PDB file of all heavy atoms in Angstrom:
ATOM      1  N   GLU A   1       0.812  -1.206   0.004  1.00  0.00           N
ATOM      2  CA  GLU A   1       0.046  -0.075  -0.007  1.00  0.00           C
ATOM      3  C   GLU A   1       0.784   1.247   0.014  1.00  0.00           C
ATOM      4  O   GLU A   1       0.504   2.228  -0.649  1.00  0.00           O
ATOM      5  CB  GLU A   1      -0.872   0.022   1.164  1.00  0.00           C
ATOM      6  CG  GLU A   1      -1.915  -1.119   1.228  1.00  0.00           C
ATOM      7  CD  GLU A   1      -2.783  -1.110  -0.017  1.00  0.00           C
ATOM      8  OE1 GLU A   1      -3.644  -0.152  -0.114  1.00  0.00           O
ATOM      9  OE2 GLU A   1      -2.772  -2.046  -0.759  1.00  0.00           O
ATOM     10  N   LEU A   2       1.928   1.198   0.757  1.00  0.00           N
ATOM     11  CA  LEU A   2       2.929   2.291   0.789  1.00  0.00           C
ATOM     12  C   LEU A   2       3.605   2.509  -0.661  1.00  0.00           C
ATOM     13  O   LEU A   2       3.704   3.562  -1.164  1.00  0.00           O
ATOM     14  CB  LEU A   2       4.084   2.156   1.845  1.00  0.00           C
ATOM     15  CG  LEU A   2       5.212   3.162   1.812  1.00  0.00           C
ATOM     16  CD1 LEU A   2       4.693   4.566   2.069  1.00  0.00           C
ATOM     17  CD2 LEU A   2       6.198   2.811   2.971  1.00  0.00           C
ATOM     18  N   ASP A   3       3.909   1.333  -1.143  1.00  0.00           N
ATOM     19  CA  ASP A   3       4.571   1.332  -2.635  1.00  0.00           C
ATOM     20  C   ASP A   3       3.669   2.044  -3.631  1.00  0.00           C
ATOM     21  O   ASP A   3       4.067   2.975  -4.346  1.00  0.00           O
ATOM     22  CB  ASP A   3       4.919  -0.040  -2.984  1.00  0.00           C
ATOM     23  CG  ASP A   3       5.886  -0.764  -2.078  1.00  0.00           C
ATOM     24  OD1 ASP A   3       6.593  -0.070  -1.311  1.00  0.00           O
ATOM     25  OD2 ASP A   3       5.984  -2.021  -2.176  1.00  0.00           O
ATOM     26  N   LYS A   4       2.416   1.670  -3.524  1.00  0.00           N
ATOM     27  CA  LYS A   4       1.327   2.255  -4.473  1.00  0.00           C
ATOM     28  C   LYS A   4       1.231   3.766  -4.241  1.00  0.00           C
ATOM     29  O   LYS A   4       1.123   4.542  -5.317  1.00  0.00           O
ATOM     30  CB  LYS A   4       0.062   1.449  -4.320  1.00  0.00           C
ATOM     31  CG  LYS A   4       0.100   0.073  -4.893  1.00  0.00           C
ATOM     32  CD  LYS A   4      -1.231  -0.599  -5.089  1.00  0.00           C
ATOM     33  CE  LYS A   4      -1.929  -0.728  -3.742  1.00  0.00           C
ATOM     34  NZ  LYS A   4      -3.290  -1.518  -3.800  1.00  0.00           N
ATOM     35  N   GLU A   5       1.241   4.216  -3.049  1.00  0.00           N
ATOM     36  CA  GLU A   5       1.093   5.470  -2.744  1.00  0.00           C
ATOM     37  C   GLU A   5       2.281   6.406  -3.268  1.00  0.00           C
ATOM     38  O   GLU A   5       2.119   7.418  -3.852  1.00  0.00           O
ATOM     39  CB  GLU A   5       0.917   5.821  -1.196  1.00  0.00           C
ATOM     40  CG  GLU A   5       0.915   7.296  -0.842  1.00  0.00           C
ATOM     41  CD  GLU A   5      -0.443   7.916  -1.267  1.00  0.00           C
ATOM     42  OE1 GLU A   5      -1.301   7.292  -1.734  1.00  0.00           O
ATOM     43  OE2 GLU A   5      -0.396   9.190  -1.431  1.00  0.00           O
ATOM     44  N   LEU A   6       3.497   5.840  -2.989  1.00  0.00           N
ATOM     45  CA  LEU A   6       4.720   6.491  -3.559  1.00  0.00           C
ATOM     46  C   LEU A   6       4.724   6.585  -5.117  1.00  0.00           C
ATOM     47  O   LEU A   6       5.227   7.462  -5.729  1.00  0.00           O
ATOM     48  CB  LEU A   6       5.882   5.804  -3.005  1.00  0.00           C
ATOM     49  CG  LEU A   6       6.110   5.787  -1.549  1.00  0.00           C
ATOM     50  CD1 LEU A   6       7.268   4.975  -1.147  1.00  0.00           C
ATOM     51  CD2 LEU A   6       6.190   7.219  -1.081  1.00  0.00           C
ATOM     52  N   GLU A   7       4.253   5.428  -5.695  1.00  0.00           N
ATOM     53  CA  GLU A   7       4.246   5.473  -7.212  1.00  0.00           C
ATOM     54  C   GLU A   7       3.118   6.417  -7.700  1.00  0.00           C
ATOM     55  O   GLU A   7       3.459   7.134  -8.743  1.00  0.00           O
ATOM     56  CB  GLU A   7       3.828   4.068  -7.726  1.00  0.00           C
ATOM     57  CG  GLU A   7       4.999   3.108  -7.528  1.00  0.00           C
ATOM     58  CD  GLU A   7       4.443   1.673  -7.810  1.00  0.00           C
ATOM     59  OE1 GLU A   7       3.337   1.432  -7.994  1.00  0.00           O
ATOM     60  OE2 GLU A   7       5.402   0.783  -8.020  1.00  0.00           O
ATOM     61  N   THR A   8       2.000   6.501  -6.966  1.00  0.00           N
ATOM     62  CA  THR A   8       0.972   7.580  -7.354  1.00  0.00           C
ATOM     63  C   THR A   8       1.547   8.997  -7.247  1.00  0.00           C
ATOM     64  O   THR A   8       1.201   9.778  -8.169  1.00  0.00           O
ATOM     65  CB  THR A   8      -0.226   7.419  -6.474  1.00  0.00           C
ATOM     66  OG1 THR A   8      -0.632   6.037  -6.674  1.00  0.00           O
ATOM     67  CG2 THR A   8      -1.266   8.413  -6.790  1.00  0.00           C
ATOM     68  N   ARG A   9       2.393   9.241  -6.355  1.00  0.00           N
ATOM     69  CA  ARG A   9       3.007  10.558  -6.167  1.00  0.00           C
ATOM     70  C   ARG A   9       4.070  10.794  -7.178  1.00  0.00           C
ATOM     71  O   ARG A   9       4.683  11.868  -7.170  1.00  0.00           O
ATOM     72  CB  ARG A   9       3.434  10.759  -4.804  1.00  0.00           C
ATOM     73  CG  ARG A   9       2.244  10.640  -3.736  1.00  0.00           C
ATOM     74  CD  ARG A   9       2.894  11.061  -2.425  1.00  0.00           C
ATOM     75  NE  ARG A   9       1.788  11.052  -1.448  1.00  0.00           N
ATOM     76  CZ  ARG A   9       1.844  11.543  -0.099  1.00  0.00           C
ATOM     77  NH1 ARG A   9       3.030  12.308   0.294  1.00  0.00           N
ATOM     78  NH2 ARG A   9       0.968  11.444   0.799  1.00  0.00           N
ATOM     79  N   GLY A  10       4.517   9.718  -7.941  1.00  0.00           N
ATOM     80  CA  GLY A  10       5.612   9.866  -8.818  1.00  0.00           C
ATOM     81  C   GLY A  10       6.991   9.947  -8.213  1.00  0.00           C
ATOM     82  O   GLY A  10       7.906  10.570  -8.781  1.00  0.00           O
ATOM     83  N   LEU A  11       7.258   9.415  -6.978  1.00  0.00           N
ATOM     84  CA  LEU A  11       8.471   9.495  -6.316  1.00  0.00           C
ATOM     85  C   LEU A  11       9.252   8.273  -6.561  1.00  0.00           C
ATOM     86  O   LEU A  11       8.943   7.145  -6.866  1.00  0.00           O
ATOM     87  CB  LEU A  11       8.259   9.519  -4.725  1.00  0.00           C
ATOM     88  CG  LEU A  11       7.441  10.761  -4.308  1.00  0.00           C
ATOM     89  CD1 LEU A  11       6.967  10.533  -2.921  1.00  0.00           C
ATOM     90  CD2 LEU A  11       8.436  11.960  -4.450  1.00  0.00           C
ATOM     91  N   ASN A  12      10.706   8.492  -6.645  1.00  0.00           N
ATOM     92  CA  ASN A  12      11.625   7.534  -6.726  1.00  0.00           C
ATOM     93  C   ASN A  12      11.847   6.807  -5.345  1.00  0.00           C
ATOM     94  O   ASN A  12      12.266   7.560  -4.446  1.00  0.00           O
ATOM     95  CB  ASN A  12      12.959   8.014  -7.352  1.00  0.00           C
ATOM     96  CG  ASN A  12      12.811   8.568  -8.711  1.00  0.00           C
ATOM     97  OD1 ASN A  12      12.087   7.937  -9.564  1.00  0.00           O
ATOM     98  ND2 ASN A  12      13.365   9.652  -8.951  1.00  0.00           N
ATOM     99  N   PHE A  13      11.890   5.559  -5.272  1.00  0.00           N
ATOM    100  CA  PHE A  13      12.146   4.910  -4.040  1.00  0.00           C
ATOM    101  C   PHE A  13      12.518   3.406  -4.212  1.00  0.00           C
ATOM    102  O   PHE A  13      12.385   2.877  -5.325  1.00  0.00           O
ATOM    103  CB  PHE A  13      10.686   4.850  -3.191  1.00  0.00           C
ATOM    104  CG  PHE A  13       9.727   3.961  -3.693  1.00  0.00           C
ATOM    105  CD1 PHE A  13       9.607   2.608  -3.189  1.00  0.00           C
ATOM    106  CD2 PHE A  13       8.820   4.413  -4.736  1.00  0.00           C
ATOM    107  CE1 PHE A  13       8.676   1.762  -3.640  1.00  0.00           C
ATOM    108  CE2 PHE A  13       7.885   3.456  -5.230  1.00  0.00           C
ATOM    109  CZ  PHE A  13       7.741   2.206  -4.561  1.00  0.00           C
ATOM    110  N   VAL A  14      13.065   2.757  -3.220  1.00  0.00           N
ATOM    111  CA  VAL A  14      13.307   1.326  -3.236  1.00  0.00           C
ATOM    112  C   VAL A  14      12.949   0.948  -1.782  1.00  0.00           C
ATOM    113  O   VAL A  14      12.978   1.602  -0.804  1.00  0.00           O
ATOM    114  CB  VAL A  14      14.790   0.992  -3.528  1.00  0.00           C
ATOM    115  CG1 VAL A  14      15.070   1.349  -4.821  1.00  0.00           C
ATOM    116  CG2 VAL A  14      15.698   1.659  -2.423  1.00  0.00           C
ATOM    117  N   ARG A  15      12.317  -0.308  -1.782  1.00  0.00           N
ATOM    118  CA  ARG A  15      12.014  -0.847  -0.466  1.00  0.00           C
ATOM    119  C   ARG A  15      12.474  -2.325  -0.278  1.00  0.00           C
ATOM    120  O   ARG A  15      12.220  -2.965  -1.240  1.00  0.00           O
ATOM    121  CB  ARG A  15      10.438  -0.845  -0.337  1.00  0.00           C
ATOM    122  CG  ARG A  15      10.085  -1.375   1.108  1.00  0.00           C
ATOM    123  CD  ARG A  15       8.510  -1.211   1.321  1.00  0.00           C
ATOM    124  NE  ARG A  15       7.760  -2.031   0.404  1.00  0.00           N
ATOM    125  CZ  ARG A  15       7.502  -3.257   0.525  1.00  0.00           C
ATOM    126  NH1 ARG A  15       8.049  -3.942   1.481  1.00  0.00           N
ATOM    127  NH2 ARG A  15       6.759  -4.011  -0.371  1.00  0.00           N
ATOM    128  N   TYR A  16      13.125  -2.623   0.730  1.00  0.00           N
ATOM    129  CA  TYR A  16      13.337  -4.032   1.021  1.00  0.00           C
ATOM    130  C   TYR A  16      12.778  -4.354   2.379  1.00  0.00           C
ATOM    131  O   TYR A  16      13.255  -3.746   3.452  1.00  0.00           O
ATOM    132  CB  TYR A  16      15.017  -4.200   1.062  1.00  0.00           C
ATOM    133  CG  TYR A  16      15.307  -5.641   1.197  1.00  0.00           C
ATOM    134  CD1 TYR A  16      15.580  -6.392   0.075  1.00  0.00           C
ATOM    135  CD2 TYR A  16      15.450  -6.309   2.474  1.00  0.00           C
ATOM    136  CE1 TYR A  16      16.072  -7.738  -0.013  1.00  0.00           C
ATOM    137  CE2 TYR A  16      15.792  -7.670   2.452  1.00  0.00           C
ATOM    138  CZ  TYR A  16      16.069  -8.391   1.329  1.00  0.00           C
ATOM    139  OH  TYR A  16      16.430  -9.698   1.370  1.00  0.00           O
ATOM    140  N   ALA A  17      11.663  -5.148   2.398  1.00  0.00           N
ATOM    141  CA  ALA A  17      10.993  -5.408   3.642  1.00  0.00           C
ATOM    142  C   ALA A  17      10.488  -4.053   4.131  1.00  0.00           C
ATOM    143  O   ALA A  17       9.850  -3.279   3.464  1.00  0.00           O
ATOM    144  CB  ALA A  17      11.718  -6.130   4.733  1.00  0.00           C
ATOM    145  N   ASP A  18      10.799  -3.671   5.441  1.00  0.00           N
ATOM    146  CA  ASP A  18      10.336  -2.376   5.966  1.00  0.00           C
ATOM    147  C   ASP A  18      11.378  -1.362   5.960  1.00  0.00           C
ATOM    148  O   ASP A  18      11.236  -0.178   6.475  1.00  0.00           O
ATOM    149  CB  ASP A  18       9.981  -2.616   7.469  1.00  0.00           C
ATOM    150  CG  ASP A  18      11.087  -3.111   8.319  1.00  0.00           C
ATOM    151  OD1 ASP A  18      11.907  -3.910   7.867  1.00  0.00           O
ATOM    152  OD2 ASP A  18      11.090  -2.859   9.530  1.00  0.00           O
ATOM    153  N   ASP A  19      12.530  -1.647   5.264  1.00  0.00           N
ATOM    154  CA  ASP A  19      13.490  -0.569   4.917  1.00  0.00           C
ATOM    155  C   ASP A  19      13.182   0.172   3.639  1.00  0.00           C
ATOM    156  O   ASP A  19      13.448  -0.375   2.508  1.00  0.00           O
ATOM    157  CB  ASP A  19      14.906  -1.212   4.800  1.00  0.00           C
ATOM    158  CG  ASP A  19      15.557  -1.499   6.221  1.00  0.00           C
ATOM    159  OD1 ASP A  19      15.081  -0.918   7.161  1.00  0.00           O
ATOM    160  OD2 ASP A  19      16.331  -2.460   6.284  1.00  0.00           O
ATOM    161  N   CYS A  20      12.742   1.304   3.669  1.00  0.00           N
ATOM    162  CA  CYS A  20      12.172   2.111   2.561  1.00  0.00           C
ATOM    163  C   CYS A  20      12.935   3.459   2.461  1.00  0.00           C
ATOM    164  O   CYS A  20      13.103   4.164   3.508  1.00  0.00           O
ATOM    165  CB  CYS A  20      10.793   2.385   2.631  1.00  0.00           C
ATOM    166  SG  CYS A  20      10.022   3.243   1.186  1.00  0.00           S
ATOM    167  N   VAL A  21      13.595   3.905   1.308  1.00  0.00           N
ATOM    168  CA  VAL A  21      14.131   5.161   1.133  1.00  0.00           C
ATOM    169  C   VAL A  21      13.606   5.755  -0.155  1.00  0.00           C
ATOM    170  O   VAL A  21      13.462   5.059  -1.086  1.00  0.00           O
ATOM    171  CB  VAL A  21      15.666   4.957   1.064  1.00  0.00           C
ATOM    172  CG1 VAL A  21      16.306   4.563   2.446  1.00  0.00           C
ATOM    173  CG2 VAL A  21      16.173   4.108   0.037  1.00  0.00           C
ATOM    174  N   ILE A  22      13.374   7.001   0.027  1.00  0.00           N
ATOM    175  CA  ILE A  22      12.830   7.795  -1.097  1.00  0.00           C
ATOM    176  C   ILE A  22      13.844   8.763  -1.523  1.00  0.00           C
ATOM    177  O   ILE A  22      14.526   9.502  -0.693  1.00  0.00           O
ATOM    178  CB  ILE A  22      11.425   8.507  -0.691  1.00  0.00           C
ATOM    179  CG1 ILE A  22      10.570   7.594  -0.136  1.00  0.00           C
ATOM    180  CG2 ILE A  22      10.875   9.385  -1.932  1.00  0.00           C
ATOM    181  CD1 ILE A  22       9.335   8.261   0.671  1.00  0.00           C
ATOM    182  N   THR A  23      14.100   9.079  -2.881  1.00  0.00           N
ATOM    183  CA  THR A  23      15.012   9.987  -3.346  1.00  0.00           C
ATOM    184  C   THR A  23      14.515  11.151  -4.054  1.00  0.00           C
ATOM    185  O   THR A  23      13.644  10.869  -4.979  1.00  0.00           O
ATOM    186  CB  THR A  23      16.138   9.333  -4.101  1.00  0.00           C
ATOM    187  OG1 THR A  23      15.508   8.770  -5.325  1.00  0.00           O
ATOM    188  CG2 THR A  23      16.786   8.304  -3.458  1.00  0.00           C
ATOM    189  N   VAL A  24      14.856  12.434  -3.770  1.00  0.00           N
ATOM    190  CA  VAL A  24      14.402  13.604  -4.475  1.00  0.00           C
ATOM    191  C   VAL A  24      15.713  14.451  -4.819  1.00  0.00           C
ATOM    192  O   VAL A  24      16.748  14.165  -4.372  1.00  0.00           O
ATOM    193  CB  VAL A  24      13.264  14.440  -3.576  1.00  0.00           C
ATOM    194  CG1 VAL A  24      12.045  13.404  -3.492  1.00  0.00           C
ATOM    195  CG2 VAL A  24      13.919  14.721  -2.338  1.00  0.00           C
ATOM    196  N   ARG A  25      15.291  15.636  -5.486  1.00  0.00           N
ATOM    197  CA  ARG A  25      16.426  16.416  -5.881  1.00  0.00           C
ATOM    198  C   ARG A  25      16.774  17.647  -5.005  1.00  0.00           C
ATOM    199  O   ARG A  25      17.779  18.260  -5.113  1.00  0.00           O
ATOM    200  CB  ARG A  25      15.945  17.073  -7.400  1.00  0.00           C
ATOM    201  CG  ARG A  25      15.964  16.063  -8.500  1.00  0.00           C
ATOM    202  CD  ARG A  25      15.726  16.757  -9.755  1.00  0.00           C
ATOM    203  NE  ARG A  25      15.746  15.794 -10.954  1.00  0.00           N
ATOM    204  CZ  ARG A  25      16.718  15.452 -11.598  1.00  0.00           C
ATOM    205  NH1 ARG A  25      17.942  15.858 -11.274  1.00  0.00           N
ATOM    206  NH2 ARG A  25      16.720  14.611 -12.660  1.00  0.00           N
ATOM    207  N   SER A  26      15.839  18.026  -4.051  1.00  0.00           N
ATOM    208  CA  SER A  26      16.254  19.125  -3.210  1.00  0.00           C
ATOM    209  C   SER A  26      16.018  18.818  -1.716  1.00  0.00           C
ATOM    210  O   SER A  26      15.056  17.881  -1.443  1.00  0.00           O
ATOM    211  CB  SER A  26      15.388  20.297  -3.725  1.00  0.00           C
ATOM    212  OG  SER A  26      13.995  20.112  -3.314  1.00  0.00           O
ATOM    213  N   SER A  27      16.467  19.561  -0.873  1.00  0.00           N
ATOM    214  CA  SER A  27      16.335  19.478   0.554  1.00  0.00           C
ATOM    215  C   SER A  27      14.860  19.827   0.933  1.00  0.00           C
ATOM    216  O   SER A  27      14.219  19.108   1.805  1.00  0.00           O
ATOM    217  CB  SER A  27      17.241  20.393   1.286  1.00  0.00           C
ATOM    218  OG  SER A  27      17.002  20.395   2.676  1.00  0.00           O
ATOM    219  N   ALA A  28      14.320  20.890   0.276  1.00  0.00           N
ATOM    220  CA  ALA A  28      12.927  21.297   0.517  1.00  0.00           C
ATOM    221  C   ALA A  28      11.999  20.163   0.178  1.00  0.00           C
ATOM    222  O   ALA A  28      11.046  19.928   0.874  1.00  0.00           O
ATOM    223  CB  ALA A  28      12.551  22.551  -0.277  1.00  0.00           C
ATOM    224  N   ALA A  29      12.158  19.564  -0.972  1.00  0.00           N
ATOM    225  CA  ALA A  29      11.325  18.483  -1.393  1.00  0.00           C
ATOM    226  C   ALA A  29      11.340  17.240  -0.475  1.00  0.00           C
ATOM    227  O   ALA A  29      10.395  16.626  -0.115  1.00  0.00           O
ATOM    228  CB  ALA A  29      11.716  18.067  -2.826  1.00  0.00           C
ATOM    229  N   ALA A  30      12.510  16.995   0.028  1.00  0.00           N
ATOM    230  CA  ALA A  30      12.707  15.910   0.926  1.00  0.00           C
ATOM    231  C   ALA A  30      12.092  16.063   2.237  1.00  0.00           C
ATOM    232  O   ALA A  30      11.388  15.162   2.843  1.00  0.00           O
ATOM    233  CB  ALA A  30      14.296  15.625   1.166  1.00  0.00           C
ATOM    234  N   ASN A  31      12.259  17.240   2.842  1.00  0.00           N
ATOM    235  CA  ASN A  31      11.384  17.506   4.033  1.00  0.00           C
ATOM    236  C   ASN A  31      10.067  17.445   3.925  1.00  0.00           C
ATOM    237  O   ASN A  31       9.153  17.008   4.775  1.00  0.00           O
ATOM    238  CB  ASN A  31      11.940  18.835   4.653  1.00  0.00           C
ATOM    239  CG  ASN A  31      13.293  18.853   5.301  1.00  0.00           C
ATOM    240  OD1 ASN A  31      13.379  18.264   6.433  1.00  0.00           O
ATOM    241  ND2 ASN A  31      14.292  19.286   4.605  1.00  0.00           N
ATOM    242  N   ARG A  32       9.523  18.027   2.829  1.00  0.00           N
ATOM    243  CA  ARG A  32       8.101  17.921   2.585  1.00  0.00           C
ATOM    244  C   ARG A  32       7.616  16.567   2.357  1.00  0.00           C
ATOM    245  O   ARG A  32       6.510  16.132   2.991  1.00  0.00           O
ATOM    246  CB  ARG A  32       7.772  18.720   1.157  1.00  0.00           C
ATOM    247  CG  ARG A  32       6.280  18.721   0.797  1.00  0.00           C
ATOM    248  CD  ARG A  32       5.887  19.644  -0.282  1.00  0.00           C
ATOM    249  NE  ARG A  32       6.623  19.206  -1.541  1.00  0.00           N
ATOM    250  CZ  ARG A  32       7.710  19.754  -2.147  1.00  0.00           C
ATOM    251  NH1 ARG A  32       8.375  20.704  -1.585  1.00  0.00           N
ATOM    252  NH2 ARG A  32       8.167  19.165  -3.273  1.00  0.00           N
ATOM    253  N   VAL A  33       8.253  15.728   1.645  1.00  0.00           N
ATOM    254  CA  VAL A  33       7.920  14.331   1.475  1.00  0.00           C
ATOM    255  C   VAL A  33       7.901  13.468   2.915  1.00  0.00           C
ATOM    256  O   VAL A  33       7.145  12.732   3.158  1.00  0.00           O
ATOM    257  CB  VAL A  33       8.755  13.597   0.476  1.00  0.00           C
ATOM    258  CG1 VAL A  33       8.602  12.156   0.605  1.00  0.00           C
ATOM    259  CG2 VAL A  33       8.542  14.173  -1.033  1.00  0.00           C
ATOM    260  N   MET A  34       8.936  13.846   3.585  1.00  0.00           N
ATOM    261  CA  MET A  34       9.115  13.133   4.887  1.00  0.00           C
ATOM    262  C   MET A  34       7.905  13.416   5.714  1.00  0.00           C
ATOM    263  O   MET A  34       7.286  12.455   6.312  1.00  0.00           O
ATOM    264  CB  MET A  34      10.353  13.606   5.562  1.00  0.00           C
ATOM    265  CG  MET A  34      10.585  12.859   6.945  1.00  0.00           C
ATOM    266  SD  MET A  34      12.134  13.344   7.802  1.00  0.00           S
ATOM    267  CE  MET A  34      11.758  15.023   8.209  1.00  0.00           C
ATOM    268  N   HIS A  35       7.353  14.540   5.770  1.00  0.00           N
ATOM    269  CA  HIS A  35       6.337  14.851   6.744  1.00  0.00           C
ATOM    270  C   HIS A  35       5.013  14.431   6.163  1.00  0.00           C
ATOM    271  O   HIS A  35       4.155  13.874   6.868  1.00  0.00           O
ATOM    272  CB  HIS A  35       6.251  16.534   6.978  1.00  0.00           C
ATOM    273  CG  HIS A  35       7.442  17.026   7.674  1.00  0.00           C
ATOM    274  ND1 HIS A  35       7.578  16.586   8.997  1.00  0.00           N
ATOM    275  CD2 HIS A  35       8.390  17.860   7.532  1.00  0.00           C
ATOM    276  CE1 HIS A  35       8.714  17.150   9.471  1.00  0.00           C
ATOM    277  NE2 HIS A  35       9.228  17.944   8.530  1.00  0.00           N
ATOM    278  N   THR A  36       4.826  14.505   4.790  1.00  0.00           N
ATOM    279  CA  THR A  36       3.496  14.061   4.296  1.00  0.00           C
ATOM    280  C   THR A  36       3.386  12.592   4.254  1.00  0.00           C
ATOM    281  O   THR A  36       2.312  11.984   4.538  1.00  0.00           O
ATOM    282  CB  THR A  36       3.243  14.631   2.813  1.00  0.00           C
ATOM    283  OG1 THR A  36       4.366  14.158   2.060  1.00  0.00           O
ATOM    284  CG2 THR A  36       3.185  16.173   2.798  1.00  0.00           C
ATOM    285  N   ILE A  37       4.473  11.908   3.923  1.00  0.00           N
ATOM    286  CA  ILE A  37       4.389  10.451   3.849  1.00  0.00           C
ATOM    287  C   ILE A  37       4.393   9.833   5.333  1.00  0.00           C
ATOM    288  O   ILE A  37       3.741   8.908   5.541  1.00  0.00           O
ATOM    289  CB  ILE A  37       5.619   9.808   3.192  1.00  0.00           C
ATOM    290  CG1 ILE A  37       5.612  10.037   1.743  1.00  0.00           C
ATOM    291  CG2 ILE A  37       5.842   8.316   3.465  1.00  0.00           C
ATOM    292  CD1 ILE A  37       4.457   9.388   0.994  1.00  0.00           C
ATOM    293  N   THR A  38       5.022  10.535   6.289  1.00  0.00           N
ATOM    294  CA  THR A  38       4.869  10.117   7.719  1.00  0.00           C
ATOM    295  C   THR A  38       3.340  10.075   8.199  1.00  0.00           C
ATOM    296  O   THR A  38       2.832   9.142   8.689  1.00  0.00           O
ATOM    297  CB  THR A  38       5.703  10.960   8.495  1.00  0.00           C
ATOM    298  OG1 THR A  38       7.048  10.725   8.254  1.00  0.00           O
ATOM    299  CG2 THR A  38       5.492  10.607   9.987  1.00  0.00           C
ATOM    300  N   ARG A  39       2.737  11.129   7.890  1.00  0.00           N
ATOM    301  CA  ARG A  39       1.394  11.285   8.254  1.00  0.00           C
ATOM    302  C   ARG A  39       0.428  10.275   7.558  1.00  0.00           C
ATOM    303  O   ARG A  39      -0.392   9.779   8.101  1.00  0.00           O
ATOM    304  CB  ARG A  39       0.814  12.798   7.890  1.00  0.00           C
ATOM    305  CG  ARG A  39       1.347  13.828   8.751  1.00  0.00           C
ATOM    306  CD  ARG A  39       0.567  15.194   8.665  1.00  0.00           C
ATOM    307  NE  ARG A  39       0.569  15.669   7.417  1.00  0.00           N
ATOM    308  CZ  ARG A  39       1.393  16.590   6.944  1.00  0.00           C
ATOM    309  NH1 ARG A  39       2.368  17.057   7.783  1.00  0.00           N
ATOM    310  NH2 ARG A  39       1.337  17.013   5.649  1.00  0.00           N
ATOM    311  N   TRP A  40       0.799  10.033   6.257  1.00  0.00           N
ATOM    312  CA  TRP A  40       0.012   8.998   5.508  1.00  0.00           C
ATOM    313  C   TRP A  40       0.110   7.624   6.020  1.00  0.00           C
ATOM    314  O   TRP A  40      -0.911   6.929   6.285  1.00  0.00           O
ATOM    315  CB  TRP A  40       0.521   9.174   4.080  1.00  0.00           C
ATOM    316  CG  TRP A  40      -0.356   8.223   3.100  1.00  0.00           C
ATOM    317  CD1 TRP A  40      -1.476   8.589   2.331  1.00  0.00           C
ATOM    318  CD2 TRP A  40      -0.166   6.774   2.849  1.00  0.00           C
ATOM    319  NE1 TRP A  40      -2.041   7.585   1.727  1.00  0.00           N
ATOM    320  CE2 TRP A  40      -1.238   6.367   1.958  1.00  0.00           C
ATOM    321  CE3 TRP A  40       0.776   5.941   3.272  1.00  0.00           C
ATOM    322  CZ2 TRP A  40      -1.309   5.066   1.567  1.00  0.00           C
ATOM    323  CZ3 TRP A  40       0.522   4.505   2.748  1.00  0.00           C
ATOM    324  CH2 TRP A  40      -0.477   4.208   1.990  1.00  0.00           C
ATOM    325  N   ILE A  41       1.482   7.303   6.349  1.00  0.00           N
ATOM    326  CA  ILE A  41       1.772   5.891   6.883  1.00  0.00           C
ATOM    327  C   ILE A  41       0.827   5.736   8.203  1.00  0.00           C
ATOM    328  O   ILE A  41       0.263   4.762   8.415  1.00  0.00           O
ATOM    329  CB  ILE A  41       3.098   5.899   7.189  1.00  0.00           C
ATOM    330  CG1 ILE A  41       3.866   5.645   5.838  1.00  0.00           C
ATOM    331  CG2 ILE A  41       3.369   4.476   8.019  1.00  0.00           C
ATOM    332  CD1 ILE A  41       5.471   5.753   5.907  1.00  0.00           C
TER     333      ILE A  41
END
């Protein structure tokens, strides 16, 4: 379900079991993604 949400948002990520990392181009984008995805999870 998390994978599908990240794909819907067009984010680059890899997940191995519960180890998930998301990659973006800027610090601002990273902080925004961290907070929104945390709330979603």
